[in-house]
N, C-alpha and C. Protein backbone atom coordinates (compact mmCIF):
# COMPACT_ATOMS: atom_id res chain seq x y z
N MET A 1 -1.39 -11.39 18.00
CA MET A 1 -1.27 -9.87 17.63
C MET A 1 -2.35 -9.37 17.20
N ALA A 2 -2.50 -8.26 17.63
CA ALA A 2 -4.02 -7.16 17.03
C ALA A 2 -3.88 -7.21 15.53
N ARG A 3 -5.33 -7.34 14.27
CA ARG A 3 -5.54 -6.63 13.65
C ARG A 3 -5.37 -5.62 13.45
N TYR A 4 -4.66 -4.68 12.55
CA TYR A 4 -4.80 -3.33 12.07
C TYR A 4 -5.88 -3.30 11.08
N SER A 5 -6.53 -1.83 11.66
CA SER A 5 -7.14 -1.29 10.48
C SER A 5 -6.48 -0.43 9.06
N LEU A 6 -7.33 -0.90 8.02
CA LEU A 6 -6.86 -0.69 6.99
C LEU A 6 -7.56 0.88 6.40
N ARG A 7 -7.71 2.12 6.11
CA ARG A 7 -7.38 3.40 5.90
C ARG A 7 -7.11 3.29 4.25
N ILE A 8 -7.48 4.44 2.79
CA ILE A 8 -7.12 3.80 1.95
C ILE A 8 -8.04 5.27 1.19
N LYS A 9 -6.40 6.61 1.31
CA LYS A 9 -6.73 7.73 0.75
C LYS A 9 -7.74 7.92 -0.44
N LYS A 10 -8.82 8.43 -0.94
CA LYS A 10 -9.71 8.76 -1.98
C LYS A 10 -8.79 8.69 -2.75
N SER A 11 -8.25 9.28 -3.33
CA SER A 11 -6.62 9.67 -4.22
C SER A 11 -6.40 8.24 -4.35
N ALA A 12 -5.62 7.39 -3.72
CA ALA A 12 -5.11 5.87 -4.50
C ALA A 12 -6.17 4.93 -4.74
N ARG A 13 -7.53 5.33 -3.96
CA ARG A 13 -9.06 4.42 -4.45
C ARG A 13 -8.81 4.84 -6.14
N LYS A 14 -8.80 6.17 -6.50
CA LYS A 14 -8.74 6.42 -8.09
C LYS A 14 -7.97 5.79 -8.94
N GLU A 15 -6.36 5.93 -8.30
CA GLU A 15 -5.29 4.64 -8.61
C GLU A 15 -5.56 3.88 -8.80
N LEU A 16 -6.24 3.29 -7.62
CA LEU A 16 -6.45 1.25 -8.07
C LEU A 16 -7.43 1.71 -9.40
N GLU A 17 -8.49 2.61 -9.09
CA GLU A 17 -9.24 2.00 -10.07
C GLU A 17 -8.64 2.34 -11.84
N ALA A 18 -7.91 2.90 -11.72
CA ALA A 18 -6.65 3.38 -12.77
C ALA A 18 -5.71 1.73 -13.53
N VAL A 19 -6.09 1.25 -12.70
CA VAL A 19 -5.51 -0.26 -12.90
C VAL A 19 -5.76 -0.70 -13.94
N ALA A 20 -5.24 -0.99 -15.25
CA ALA A 20 -6.01 -1.32 -16.12
C ALA A 20 -6.49 -2.66 -16.01
N ARG A 21 -5.81 -3.82 -15.30
CA ARG A 21 -5.93 -5.01 -16.17
C ARG A 21 -6.80 -5.27 -14.59
N LYS A 22 -8.19 -5.60 -14.64
CA LYS A 22 -8.48 -6.55 -13.37
C LYS A 22 -7.81 -7.55 -12.54
N ALA A 23 -7.10 -8.16 -13.40
CA ALA A 23 -6.30 -9.13 -11.86
C ALA A 23 -5.40 -8.27 -11.67
N ASP A 24 -4.43 -7.23 -11.87
CA ASP A 24 -3.85 -6.78 -11.04
C ASP A 24 -4.25 -5.97 -10.27
N ARG A 25 -5.33 -5.69 -9.96
CA ARG A 25 -6.46 -4.78 -9.40
C ARG A 25 -7.30 -5.88 -8.45
N ARG A 26 -7.38 -6.86 -8.41
CA ARG A 26 -7.14 -8.31 -7.39
C ARG A 26 -6.31 -8.52 -6.35
N ARG A 27 -5.29 -8.44 -7.01
CA ARG A 27 -3.65 -8.62 -6.83
C ARG A 27 -3.29 -7.76 -5.35
N ILE A 28 -3.37 -6.71 -5.97
CA ILE A 28 -3.25 -5.31 -5.17
C ILE A 28 -3.92 -5.05 -3.74
N ILE A 29 -5.51 -5.77 -4.58
CA ILE A 29 -6.44 -5.73 -3.47
C ILE A 29 -6.06 -6.38 -2.14
N LYS A 30 -6.15 -8.28 -2.80
CA LYS A 30 -5.85 -9.13 -2.07
C LYS A 30 -4.05 -8.52 -1.10
N ARG A 31 -2.80 -7.16 -1.81
CA ARG A 31 -2.10 -7.53 -0.88
C ARG A 31 -2.01 -6.72 0.36
N ILE A 32 -3.43 -5.65 0.04
CA ILE A 32 -3.28 -4.60 1.11
C ILE A 32 -3.76 -5.06 1.85
N GLU A 33 -5.26 -5.66 1.83
CA GLU A 33 -5.93 -6.52 2.65
C GLU A 33 -4.54 -7.43 4.14
N SER A 34 -3.74 -7.63 2.88
CA SER A 34 -2.95 -8.67 4.36
C SER A 34 -2.39 -7.88 4.91
N LEU A 35 -2.20 -6.57 4.73
CA LEU A 35 -1.40 -5.42 5.88
C LEU A 35 -2.00 -5.34 7.18
N ALA A 36 -3.21 -5.80 7.09
CA ALA A 36 -3.91 -5.80 8.55
C ALA A 36 -3.69 -6.85 9.44
N ASP A 37 -3.40 -8.04 8.60
CA ASP A 37 -2.24 -8.73 9.61
C ASP A 37 -0.80 -8.49 9.72
N ILE A 38 -0.21 -8.36 8.68
CA ILE A 38 1.32 -8.08 8.94
C ILE A 38 1.41 -6.79 8.03
N PRO A 39 1.81 -5.32 8.68
CA PRO A 39 2.34 -4.21 8.33
C PRO A 39 3.32 -4.23 8.15
N ARG A 40 4.26 -5.30 8.26
CA ARG A 40 5.69 -4.80 7.78
C ARG A 40 5.69 -6.36 6.98
N PRO A 41 5.41 -7.04 6.04
CA PRO A 41 5.78 -8.34 5.72
C PRO A 41 7.22 -8.60 4.81
N PRO A 42 7.64 -9.47 4.96
CA PRO A 42 8.86 -9.75 4.27
C PRO A 42 8.47 -9.06 2.59
N GLY A 43 9.85 -7.85 1.97
CA GLY A 43 9.82 -7.58 0.88
C GLY A 43 9.51 -5.85 0.88
N SER A 44 8.85 -5.64 2.36
CA SER A 44 8.42 -4.08 2.80
C SER A 44 9.73 -3.43 2.82
N GLN A 45 9.81 -2.23 2.39
CA GLN A 45 10.80 -1.25 2.32
C GLN A 45 10.26 -0.36 3.38
N LYS A 46 11.24 0.13 3.91
CA LYS A 46 10.57 1.97 5.06
C LYS A 46 11.85 3.14 3.78
N LEU A 47 10.58 4.25 3.28
CA LEU A 47 11.27 4.56 2.89
C LEU A 47 11.87 5.85 3.40
N TYR A 48 13.12 6.20 2.76
CA TYR A 48 14.81 7.32 3.25
C TYR A 48 13.73 7.96 3.31
N GLY A 49 14.06 8.92 4.64
CA GLY A 49 13.58 10.44 4.86
C GLY A 49 12.20 10.34 5.05
N ARG A 50 11.19 9.30 5.28
CA ARG A 50 10.08 9.37 4.95
C ARG A 50 9.56 8.64 6.31
N GLU A 51 8.54 8.75 6.91
CA GLU A 51 8.08 7.53 7.74
C GLU A 51 7.09 6.23 7.03
N ARG A 52 7.24 6.36 5.77
CA ARG A 52 6.63 5.82 4.50
C ARG A 52 7.03 4.65 4.72
N TYR A 53 5.93 3.41 3.91
CA TYR A 53 6.33 2.28 3.77
C TYR A 53 6.18 1.46 2.47
N ARG A 54 6.68 0.98 1.57
CA ARG A 54 6.24 0.14 0.27
C ARG A 54 6.17 -0.80 0.26
N ILE A 55 5.19 -1.35 -0.28
CA ILE A 55 5.59 -2.93 -0.51
C ILE A 55 5.27 -3.03 -2.36
N ARG A 56 6.15 -4.23 -3.09
CA ARG A 56 5.38 -4.51 -4.68
C ARG A 56 4.32 -5.08 -4.98
N GLN A 57 3.60 -5.05 -5.56
CA GLN A 57 2.97 -5.89 -6.47
C GLN A 57 3.00 -5.71 -7.93
N GLY A 58 3.78 -7.19 -8.22
CA GLY A 58 3.77 -7.16 -9.35
C GLY A 58 4.78 -5.78 -10.10
N GLN A 59 4.16 -4.71 -11.02
CA GLN A 59 5.38 -3.74 -11.37
C GLN A 59 4.27 -2.93 -10.82
N TYR A 60 3.84 -3.01 -9.93
CA TYR A 60 2.73 -1.78 -9.10
C TYR A 60 3.38 -1.49 -7.39
N ARG A 61 3.77 -0.59 -7.19
CA ARG A 61 3.77 -0.73 -5.54
C ARG A 61 2.98 0.43 -4.72
N ILE A 62 2.83 0.27 -3.72
CA ILE A 62 1.98 0.71 -2.66
C ILE A 62 2.58 1.15 -1.51
N LEU A 63 2.54 2.43 -1.50
CA LEU A 63 3.02 3.52 -0.36
C LEU A 63 1.80 3.23 0.94
N TYR A 64 2.85 3.42 2.15
CA TYR A 64 1.10 3.22 3.07
C TYR A 64 2.70 3.68 4.46
N THR A 65 1.55 4.43 5.32
CA THR A 65 2.11 4.63 6.68
C THR A 65 0.99 4.00 7.73
N ILE A 66 2.26 3.55 8.78
CA ILE A 66 1.76 2.96 10.02
C ILE A 66 1.85 3.50 11.05
N GLU A 67 0.16 3.30 11.95
CA GLU A 67 0.52 4.10 12.72
C GLU A 67 0.33 2.96 13.99
N GLN A 68 1.70 3.23 14.66
CA GLN A 68 1.25 1.70 15.77
C GLN A 68 0.16 1.97 16.99
N ARG A 69 0.25 2.96 17.35
CA ARG A 69 -0.54 3.55 18.88
C ARG A 69 -1.75 3.02 18.76
N VAL A 70 -2.40 3.10 17.29
CA VAL A 70 -3.81 2.79 16.98
C VAL A 70 -3.97 2.13 16.05
N LEU A 71 -3.67 1.25 15.69
CA LEU A 71 -3.40 0.20 14.90
C LEU A 71 -4.08 0.13 13.83
N ILE A 72 -3.98 1.61 12.99
CA ILE A 72 -4.30 1.57 11.71
C ILE A 72 -2.97 2.09 10.57
N VAL A 73 -3.16 1.27 9.69
CA VAL A 73 -2.22 1.43 8.30
C VAL A 73 -3.09 2.10 7.35
N HIS A 74 -1.86 3.23 6.89
CA HIS A 74 -2.84 4.46 5.52
C HIS A 74 -2.17 4.44 4.40
N VAL A 75 -3.51 3.76 3.40
CA VAL A 75 -2.62 3.46 1.91
C VAL A 75 -2.75 4.82 1.09
N ILE A 76 -1.64 5.50 0.85
CA ILE A 76 -1.64 6.45 0.49
C ILE A 76 -1.38 7.09 -1.06
N LYS A 77 -1.01 5.53 -1.79
CA LYS A 77 -0.92 6.02 -3.22
C LYS A 77 -0.57 4.73 -3.60
N ILE A 78 -0.63 4.32 -4.87
CA ILE A 78 -0.89 3.19 -5.65
C ILE A 78 -0.73 3.31 -6.85
N GLY A 79 0.84 3.22 -7.63
CA GLY A 79 0.51 3.14 -8.54
C GLY A 79 2.06 2.44 -9.36
N HIS A 80 1.93 2.37 -10.34
CA HIS A 80 3.18 1.73 -11.56
C HIS A 80 4.63 2.56 -11.20
N ARG A 81 5.29 1.34 -11.24
CA ARG A 81 6.79 1.68 -10.62
C ARG A 81 7.54 2.87 -10.69
N LYS A 82 7.20 2.76 -12.14
CA LYS A 82 7.60 4.19 -13.19
C LYS A 82 7.40 5.60 -12.50
N ASP A 83 6.33 5.72 -12.06
CA ASP A 83 5.69 6.68 -11.50
C ASP A 83 5.54 6.88 -10.59
N ILE A 84 5.25 6.41 -9.65
CA ILE A 84 4.91 6.15 -8.07
C ILE A 84 5.71 7.38 -7.01
N TYR A 85 6.78 7.36 -7.08
CA TYR A 85 7.36 8.19 -6.22
C TYR A 85 7.95 9.89 -6.44
N ARG A 86 7.46 10.05 -8.31
CA ARG A 86 7.65 11.29 -8.47
C ARG A 86 6.97 12.20 -8.02
N ALA A 87 7.24 13.46 -7.62
CA ALA A 87 5.97 14.22 -7.39
C ALA A 87 4.94 14.74 -7.64
């Protein structure tokens, strides 16, 4: 199986930097990097009504899309579970 390229939106990078604990940031980064090998890992869910997926990392959520044809995973948003789904 081919390895996917990772693209992280600029706003998602800022959201990652805003995570208070350094240990949480490291775990989130590791989880994002794992998406390059398995873009739909166990525990990931497709969001209803959208072509987005989400994975959990502790109390944080990572929202992303997958482009199958060109093997790219786009990380769109990173945030705490209480805020992530608000518009």
